[in-house]
């Protein structure tokens, strides 16, 4: 049986970390979410860019049309 992993991760950050992330993202000219995602991927040894799977291909979207 396949394991379904969450597609979103929510992190609670303190004000100094949020300020640092916001400044670094602004300096890089990126959206803070994209910037943080890239840095997290790099931190765990993954390439900074990953192919995104569109929402319409997720298992949950397959059930939306089912009656």
PDB file of N, CA and C in Angstrom:
ATOM      1  N   UNK A   1       0.847  -1.179   0.000  1.00  0.00           N
ATOM      2  CA  UNK A   1       0.000   0.000   0.000  1.00  0.00           C
ATOM      3  C   UNK A   1       0.893   1.243   0.000  1.00  0.00           C
ATOM      4  N   UNK A   2       0.570   2.184  -0.833  1.00  0.00           N
ATOM      5  CA  UNK A   2       1.357   3.410  -0.954  1.00  0.00           C
ATOM      6  C   UNK A   2       1.090   4.343   0.226  1.00  0.00           C
ATOM      7  N   UNK A   3       2.126   5.036   0.621  1.00  0.00           N
ATOM      8  CA  UNK A   3       2.012   6.013   1.707  1.00  0.00           C
ATOM      9  C   UNK A   3       1.777   7.385   1.094  1.00  0.00           C
ATOM     10  N   UNK A   4       0.812   8.105   1.607  1.00  0.00           N
ATOM     11  CA  UNK A   4       0.523   9.460   1.122  1.00  0.00           C
ATOM     12  C   UNK A   4       1.170  10.459   2.076  1.00  0.00           C
ATOM     13  N   UNK A   5       2.114  11.221   1.559  1.00  0.00           N
ATOM     14  CA  UNK A   5       2.782  12.237   2.360  1.00  0.00           C
ATOM     15  C   UNK A   5       2.086  13.578   2.176  1.00  0.00           C
ATOM     16  N   UNK A   6       2.118  14.429   3.200  1.00  0.00           N
ATOM     17  CA  UNK A   6       1.495  15.752   3.045  1.00  0.00           C
ATOM     18  C   UNK A   6       2.203  16.564   1.972  1.00  0.00           C
ATOM     19  N   UNK A   7       1.449  17.358   1.253  1.00  0.00           N
ATOM     20  CA  UNK A   7       2.008  18.156   0.169  1.00  0.00           C
ATOM     21  C   UNK A   7       2.392  19.545   0.640  1.00  0.00           C
ATOM     22  N   UNK A   8       1.951  19.920   1.822  1.00  0.00           N
ATOM     23  CA  UNK A   8       2.272  21.246   2.337  1.00  0.00           C
ATOM     24  C   UNK A   8       2.836  21.111   3.737  1.00  0.00           C
ATOM     25  N   UNK A   9       3.736  22.008   4.053  1.00  0.00           N
ATOM     26  CA  UNK A   9       4.366  22.025   5.362  1.00  0.00           C
ATOM     27  C   UNK A   9       4.215  23.431   5.926  1.00  0.00           C
ATOM     28  N   UNK A  10       3.718  23.506   7.128  1.00  0.00           N
ATOM     29  CA  UNK A  10       3.565  24.807   7.772  1.00  0.00           C
ATOM     30  C   UNK A  10       4.551  24.876   8.930  1.00  0.00           C
ATOM     31  N   UNK A  11       5.308  25.941   8.972  1.00  0.00           N
ATOM     32  CA  UNK A  11       6.301  26.136  10.024  1.00  0.00           C
ATOM     33  C   UNK A  11       5.980  27.393  10.809  1.00  0.00           C
ATOM     34  N   UNK A  12       6.162  27.317  12.096  1.00  0.00           N
ATOM     35  CA  UNK A  12       6.024  28.511  12.930  1.00  0.00           C
ATOM     36  C   UNK A  12       7.421  29.099  13.085  1.00  0.00           C
ATOM     37  N   UNK A  13       7.565  30.355  12.727  1.00  0.00           N
ATOM     38  CA  UNK A  13       8.869  31.016  12.835  1.00  0.00           C
ATOM     39  C   UNK A  13       8.742  32.229  13.739  1.00  0.00           C
ATOM     40  N   UNK A  14       9.827  32.529  14.437  1.00  0.00           N
ATOM     41  CA  UNK A  14       9.810  33.704  15.301  1.00  0.00           C
ATOM     42  C   UNK A  14      10.070  34.958  14.469  1.00  0.00           C
ATOM     43  N   UNK A  15       9.863  36.105  15.077  1.00  0.00           N
ATOM     44  CA  UNK A  15       9.983  37.371  14.342  1.00  0.00           C
ATOM     45  C   UNK A  15      11.372  37.608  13.754  1.00  0.00           C
ATOM     46  N   UNK A  16      12.459  37.328  14.495  1.00  0.00           N
ATOM     47  CA  UNK A  16      13.780  37.552  13.891  1.00  0.00           C
ATOM     48  C   UNK A  16      14.031  36.665  12.666  1.00  0.00           C
ATOM     49  N   UNK A  17      13.589  35.415  12.718  1.00  0.00           N
ATOM     50  CA  UNK A  17      13.769  34.525  11.569  1.00  0.00           C
ATOM     51  C   UNK A  17      12.918  34.983  10.391  1.00  0.00           C
ATOM     52  N   UNK A  18      11.696  35.389  10.655  1.00  0.00           N
ATOM     53  CA  UNK A  18      10.832  35.887   9.587  1.00  0.00           C
ATOM     54  C   UNK A  18      11.429  37.139   8.950  1.00  0.00           C
ATOM     55  N   UNK A  19      11.957  38.026   9.773  1.00  0.00           N
ATOM     56  CA  UNK A  19      12.578  39.247   9.245  1.00  0.00           C
ATOM     57  C   UNK A  19      13.787  38.905   8.377  1.00  0.00           C
ATOM     58  N   UNK A  20      14.598  37.946   8.829  1.00  0.00           N
ATOM     59  CA  UNK A  20      15.778  37.549   8.058  1.00  0.00           C
ATOM     60  C   UNK A  20      15.380  36.892   6.742  1.00  0.00           C
ATOM     61  N   UNK A  21      14.376  36.023   6.774  1.00  0.00           N
ATOM     62  CA  UNK A  21      13.902  35.385   5.541  1.00  0.00           C
ATOM     63  C   UNK A  21      13.320  36.406   4.576  1.00  0.00           C
ATOM     64  N   UNK A  22      12.549  37.336   5.100  1.00  0.00           N
ATOM     65  CA  UNK A  22      11.943  38.365   4.260  1.00  0.00           C
ATOM     66  C   UNK A  22      13.008  39.232   3.603  1.00  0.00           C
ATOM     67  N   UNK A  23      14.007  39.635   4.375  1.00  0.00           N
ATOM     68  CA  UNK A  23      15.086  40.461   3.825  1.00  0.00           C
ATOM     69  C   UNK A  23      15.876  39.691   2.772  1.00  0.00           C
ATOM     70  N   UNK A  24      16.217  38.441   3.060  1.00  0.00           N
ATOM     71  CA  UNK A  24      16.989  37.637   2.107  1.00  0.00           C
ATOM     72  C   UNK A  24      16.201  37.402   0.826  1.00  0.00           C
ATOM     73  N   UNK A  25      14.902  37.141   0.948  1.00  0.00           N
ATOM     74  CA  UNK A  25      14.062  36.937  -0.236  1.00  0.00           C
ATOM     75  C   UNK A  25      13.966  38.224  -1.043  1.00  0.00           C
ATOM     76  N   UNK A  26      13.789  39.350  -0.370  1.00  0.00           N
ATOM     77  CA  UNK A  26      13.742  40.644  -1.066  1.00  0.00           C
ATOM     78  C   UNK A  26      15.057  40.933  -1.787  1.00  0.00           C
ATOM     79  N   UNK A  27      16.168  40.670  -1.099  1.00  0.00           N
ATOM     80  CA  UNK A  27      17.487  40.894  -1.702  1.00  0.00           C
ATOM     81  C   UNK A  27      17.689  40.024  -2.940  1.00  0.00           C
ATOM     82  N   UNK A  28      17.119  38.813  -2.907  1.00  0.00           N
ATOM     83  CA  UNK A  28      17.243  37.891  -4.037  1.00  0.00           C
ATOM     84  C   UNK A  28      16.188  38.170  -5.110  1.00  0.00           C
ATOM     85  N   UNK A  29      15.229  39.050  -4.796  1.00  0.00           N
ATOM     86  CA  UNK A  29      14.164  39.361  -5.745  1.00  0.00           C
ATOM     87  C   UNK A  29      13.174  38.227  -5.918  1.00  0.00           C
ATOM     88  N   UNK A  30      12.971  37.459  -4.846  1.00  0.00           N
ATOM     89  CA  UNK A  30      12.075  36.305  -4.914  1.00  0.00           C
ATOM     90  C   UNK A  30      10.930  36.439  -3.922  1.00  0.00           C
ATOM     91  N   UNK A  31       9.894  35.677  -4.174  1.00  0.00           N
ATOM     92  CA  UNK A  31       8.787  35.515  -3.247  1.00  0.00           C
ATOM     93  C   UNK A  31       9.326  34.778  -2.021  1.00  0.00           C
ATOM     94  N   UNK A  32       8.876  35.151  -0.832  1.00  0.00           N
ATOM     95  CA  UNK A  32       9.412  34.533   0.382  1.00  0.00           C
ATOM     96  C   UNK A  32       9.141  33.029   0.424  1.00  0.00           C
ATOM     97  N   UNK A  33       7.983  32.582  -0.051  1.00  0.00           N
ATOM     98  CA  UNK A  33       7.674  31.152  -0.036  1.00  0.00           C
ATOM     99  C   UNK A  33       8.608  30.377  -0.950  1.00  0.00           C
ATOM    100  N   UNK A  34       8.823  30.887  -2.152  1.00  0.00           N
ATOM    101  CA  UNK A  34       9.724  30.218  -3.097  1.00  0.00           C
ATOM    102  C   UNK A  34      11.151  30.227  -2.560  1.00  0.00           C
ATOM    103  N   UNK A  35      11.567  31.348  -1.989  1.00  0.00           N
ATOM    104  CA  UNK A  35      12.913  31.464  -1.432  1.00  0.00           C
ATOM    105  C   UNK A  35      13.113  30.451  -0.304  1.00  0.00           C
ATOM    106  N   UNK A  36      12.167  30.397   0.630  1.00  0.00           N
ATOM    107  CA  UNK A  36      12.279  29.478   1.764  1.00  0.00           C
ATOM    108  C   UNK A  36      12.259  28.027   1.294  1.00  0.00           C
ATOM    109  N   UNK A  37      11.407  27.710   0.316  1.00  0.00           N
ATOM    110  CA  UNK A  37      11.328  26.343  -0.211  1.00  0.00           C
ATOM    111  C   UNK A  37      12.673  25.921  -0.814  1.00  0.00           C
ATOM    112  N   UNK A  38      13.285  26.814  -1.585  1.00  0.00           N
ATOM    113  CA  UNK A  38      14.589  26.502  -2.190  1.00  0.00           C
ATOM    114  C   UNK A  38      15.640  26.261  -1.117  1.00  0.00           C
ATOM    115  N   UNK A  39      15.661  27.115  -0.099  1.00  0.00           N
ATOM    116  CA  UNK A  39      16.672  26.977   0.943  1.00  0.00           C
ATOM    117  C   UNK A  39      16.460  25.713   1.770  1.00  0.00           C
ATOM    118  N   UNK A  40      15.213  25.345   2.024  1.00  0.00           N
ATOM    119  CA  UNK A  40      14.945  24.094   2.744  1.00  0.00           C
ATOM    120  C   UNK A  40      15.395  22.893   1.926  1.00  0.00           C
ATOM    121  N   UNK A  41      15.125  22.918   0.616  1.00  0.00           N
ATOM    122  CA  UNK A  41      15.556  21.810  -0.247  1.00  0.00           C
ATOM    123  C   UNK A  41      17.075  21.695  -0.240  1.00  0.00           C
ATOM    124  N   UNK A  42      17.773  22.820  -0.334  1.00  0.00           N
ATOM    125  CA  UNK A  42      19.235  22.807  -0.303  1.00  0.00           C
ATOM    126  C   UNK A  42      19.751  22.287   1.040  1.00  0.00           C
ATOM    127  N   UNK A  43      19.075  22.648   2.126  1.00  0.00           N
ATOM    128  CA  UNK A  43      19.511  22.243   3.463  1.00  0.00           C
ATOM    129  C   UNK A  43      19.471  20.731   3.657  1.00  0.00           C
ATOM    130  N   UNK A  44      18.573  20.050   2.969  1.00  0.00           N
ATOM    131  CA  UNK A  44      18.480  18.592   3.098  1.00  0.00           C
ATOM    132  C   UNK A  44      19.146  17.869   1.936  1.00  0.00           C
ATOM    133  N   UNK A  45      19.870  18.607   1.104  1.00  0.00           N
ATOM    134  CA  UNK A  45      20.651  17.983   0.048  1.00  0.00           C
ATOM    135  C   UNK A  45      19.917  17.708  -1.247  1.00  0.00           C
ATOM    136  N   UNK A  46      18.787  18.357  -1.457  1.00  0.00           N
ATOM    137  CA  UNK A  46      18.045  18.199  -2.705  1.00  0.00           C
ATOM    138  C   UNK A  46      18.334  19.384  -3.612  1.00  0.00           C
ATOM    139  N   UNK A  47      18.147  19.210  -4.917  1.00  0.00           N
ATOM    140  CA  UNK A  47      18.341  20.356  -5.806  1.00  0.00           C
ATOM    141  C   UNK A  47      17.340  21.460  -5.463  1.00  0.00           C
ATOM    142  N   UNK A  48      17.737  22.729  -5.634  1.00  0.00           N
ATOM    143  CA  UNK A  48      16.852  23.834  -5.252  1.00  0.00           C
ATOM    144  C   UNK A  48      15.562  23.900  -6.060  1.00  0.00           C
ATOM    145  N   UNK A  49      15.573  23.401  -7.272  1.00  0.00           N
ATOM    146  CA  UNK A  49      14.369  23.410  -8.104  1.00  0.00           C
ATOM    147  C   UNK A  49      13.845  21.989  -8.229  1.00  0.00           C
ATOM    148  N   UNK A  50      12.567  21.823  -8.009  1.00  0.00           N
ATOM    149  CA  UNK A  50      11.952  20.509  -8.150  1.00  0.00           C
ATOM    150  C   UNK A  50      10.732  20.640  -9.030  1.00  0.00           C
ATOM    151  N   UNK A  51      10.451  19.619  -9.814  1.00  0.00           N
ATOM    152  CA  UNK A  51       9.236  19.691 -10.623  1.00  0.00           C
ATOM    153  C   UNK A  51       8.012  19.717  -9.716  1.00  0.00           C
ATOM    154  N   UNK A  52       7.128  20.634  -9.983  1.00  0.00           N
ATOM    155  CA  UNK A  52       5.909  20.743  -9.188  1.00  0.00           C
ATOM    156  C   UNK A  52       4.819  19.914  -9.848  1.00  0.00           C
ATOM    157  N   UNK A  53       4.092  19.176  -9.052  1.00  0.00           N
ATOM    158  CA  UNK A  53       2.972  18.390  -9.558  1.00  0.00           C
ATOM    159  C   UNK A  53       1.735  19.247  -9.404  1.00  0.00           C
ATOM    160  N   UNK A  54       1.015  19.415 -10.486  1.00  0.00           N
ATOM    161  CA  UNK A  54      -0.165  20.279 -10.426  1.00  0.00           C
ATOM    162  C   UNK A  54      -1.241  19.648  -9.558  1.00  0.00           C
ATOM    163  N   UNK A  55      -2.090  20.480  -8.999  1.00  0.00           N
ATOM    164  CA  UNK A  55      -3.136  20.025  -8.085  1.00  0.00           C
ATOM    165  C   UNK A  55      -4.099  19.062  -8.759  1.00  0.00           C
ATOM    166  N   UNK A  56      -4.307  19.210 -10.071  1.00  0.00           N
ATOM    167  CA  UNK A  56      -5.272  18.341 -10.733  1.00  0.00           C
ATOM    168  C   UNK A  56      -4.751  16.918 -10.889  1.00  0.00           C
ATOM    169  N   UNK A  57      -3.487  16.664 -10.572  1.00  0.00           N
ATOM    170  CA  UNK A  57      -2.940  15.322 -10.658  1.00  0.00           C
ATOM    171  C   UNK A  57      -2.848  14.660  -9.291  1.00  0.00           C
ATOM    172  N   UNK A  58      -3.259  15.344  -8.246  1.00  0.00           N
ATOM    173  CA  UNK A  58      -3.154  14.770  -6.912  1.00  0.00           C
ATOM    174  C   UNK A  58      -4.289  13.774  -6.680  1.00  0.00           C
ATOM    175  N   UNK A  59      -4.063  12.784  -5.805  1.00  0.00           N
ATOM    176  CA  UNK A  59      -5.107  11.788  -5.536  1.00  0.00           C
ATOM    177  C   UNK A  59      -6.390  12.419  -5.013  1.00  0.00           C
ATOM    178  N   UNK A  60      -6.269  13.486  -4.233  1.00  0.00           N
ATOM    179  CA  UNK A  60      -7.450  14.126  -3.665  1.00  0.00           C
ATOM    180  C   UNK A  60      -8.346  14.696  -4.764  1.00  0.00           C
ATOM    181  N   UNK A  61      -7.747  15.273  -5.811  1.00  0.00           N
ATOM    182  CA  UNK A  61      -8.556  15.876  -6.868  1.00  0.00           C
ATOM    183  C   UNK A  61      -9.322  14.814  -7.651  1.00  0.00           C
ATOM    184  N   UNK A  62      -8.805  13.576  -7.669  1.00  0.00           N
ATOM    185  CA  UNK A  62      -9.504  12.502  -8.371  1.00  0.00           C
ATOM    186  C   UNK A  62     -10.833  12.178  -7.698  1.00  0.00           C
ATOM    187  N   UNK A  63     -10.911  12.409  -6.402  1.00  0.00           N
ATOM    188  CA  UNK A  63     -12.133  12.081  -5.666  1.00  0.00           C
ATOM    189  C   UNK A  63     -13.163  13.197  -5.706  1.00  0.00           C
ATOM    190  N   UNK A  64     -12.777  14.384  -6.095  1.00  0.00           N
ATOM    191  CA  UNK A  64     -13.715  15.511  -6.076  1.00  0.00           C
ATOM    192  C   UNK A  64     -14.889  15.299  -7.013  1.00  0.00           C
ATOM    193  N   UNK A  65     -14.626  14.703  -8.165  1.00  0.00           N
ATOM    194  CA  UNK A  65     -15.693  14.515  -9.134  1.00  0.00           C
ATOM    195  C   UNK A  65     -16.554  13.293  -8.855  1.00  0.00           C
ATOM    196  N   UNK A  66     -16.095  12.438  -7.951  1.00  0.00           N
ATOM    197  CA  UNK A  66     -16.842  11.210  -7.662  1.00  0.00           C
ATOM    198  C   UNK A  66     -18.101  11.533  -6.869  1.00  0.00           C
ATOM    199  N   UNK A  67     -19.157  10.852  -7.207  1.00  0.00           N
ATOM    200  CA  UNK A  67     -20.420  11.093  -6.502  1.00  0.00           C
ATOM    201  C   UNK A  67     -20.752   9.950  -5.594  1.00  0.00           C
TER     202      UNK A  67
END
